[in-house]
Amino acid sequence: MSAIVYGMPNAEYRAHEGLSYSESKLLERSPAHLRWWLDHPEARTAPSAPQAFGTMVHTALLEAQTFDQRYAIGPLVSKNSAQWRDFKTQCESEGILPTTAEDREAAFSCAKNVRAHPVVGPLMATGNAEVSVFWTDHASGAKCKARLDFVAGNKHPLLLDLKTAQDASRQAFKRSVVTFQYHRQADWYESAYRAATGKPVSPMLFVVVESLPPFAVAAYTLDRWFMAQAKKTNHALRGLYAACMEFDEWPAYDPAISELEAPRYALDDELRAEQREEEYAS
């Protein structure tokens, strides 16, 4: 069964059954890691400072009308001070997030620059933010879900995903795609939207805004090789998840003893040359 839901609260989406892209990254490490994370929500760590700022930018851009309901501006004191800790505790008791006037201004500067981008801005003039998608993977039968930042267009929908980064340049973001597997995210979201709507979807657009002045913005899509690898990996992980669910078995690492191969960069020039010759000989 497939569904696309607009306006669903994030907490409700998180509680909904189905494998998300972020959960699939835990599954890739091992099924045991995913099972533990699902069973221990109380042990999940707080987001890092860059992640927290990214969420703030996300709110400023896509849900600006809710910003002051979600965030409270703290006193002009050190975050290591007792006064700040007391303020943070009070925010937690009220279910809101603590921030500073400086960070709030930076978040809204990021949002302003995204809207001012000559390509991205017009795309975001109409569409829907925070789109929740639920579907059953046809190949594996796995129940899956996705939370899309923004869907623009109608006949040929375009999915946009907002990222914050210290460096939004082409080479830096290419490294981030590999490190954080953003190509898998793109395939996951495109597959979700196609399954839920039956519509063709354009390649997902990553909108990257720098977290420091001048809050520069860049936009990227990924080539077919990135997407081919993503599709292959996502297919395998959804199959693994379906099997784990069916048999309720969540193994960790391979119990067999295996030999680690030394990566070339860990060797000096002489040993690196010997290793290369050995590989060619074999």
Foldseek 3Di string as FASTA:
>chain_A
DKAKDAPDDPVVLVPDDAAEPVLLVLVVQFLVSSVVCVVCVVPDDDDDPQVVLQVLLLCLQAPVVCNCVAEDAADPDDCPDPRVVVVQVVCVVVNHHYDHPVSNVLSNLLNVQQLVPPPRVVQVPDWGAFMKIWDQDPPARGTHIYTFGTWGDDQAIETEDEEEDQDPDPVVVVVVCVVVVVLLVQLRVQVRVCRRPVHHYDRYKYWYFYSDPPRDIDIDGDDPVSNVVSVVSVVVSSNVVSVCVVVVDIDHDDPDDDDDDDDLVVDDPVVSVVVVVVVVVD
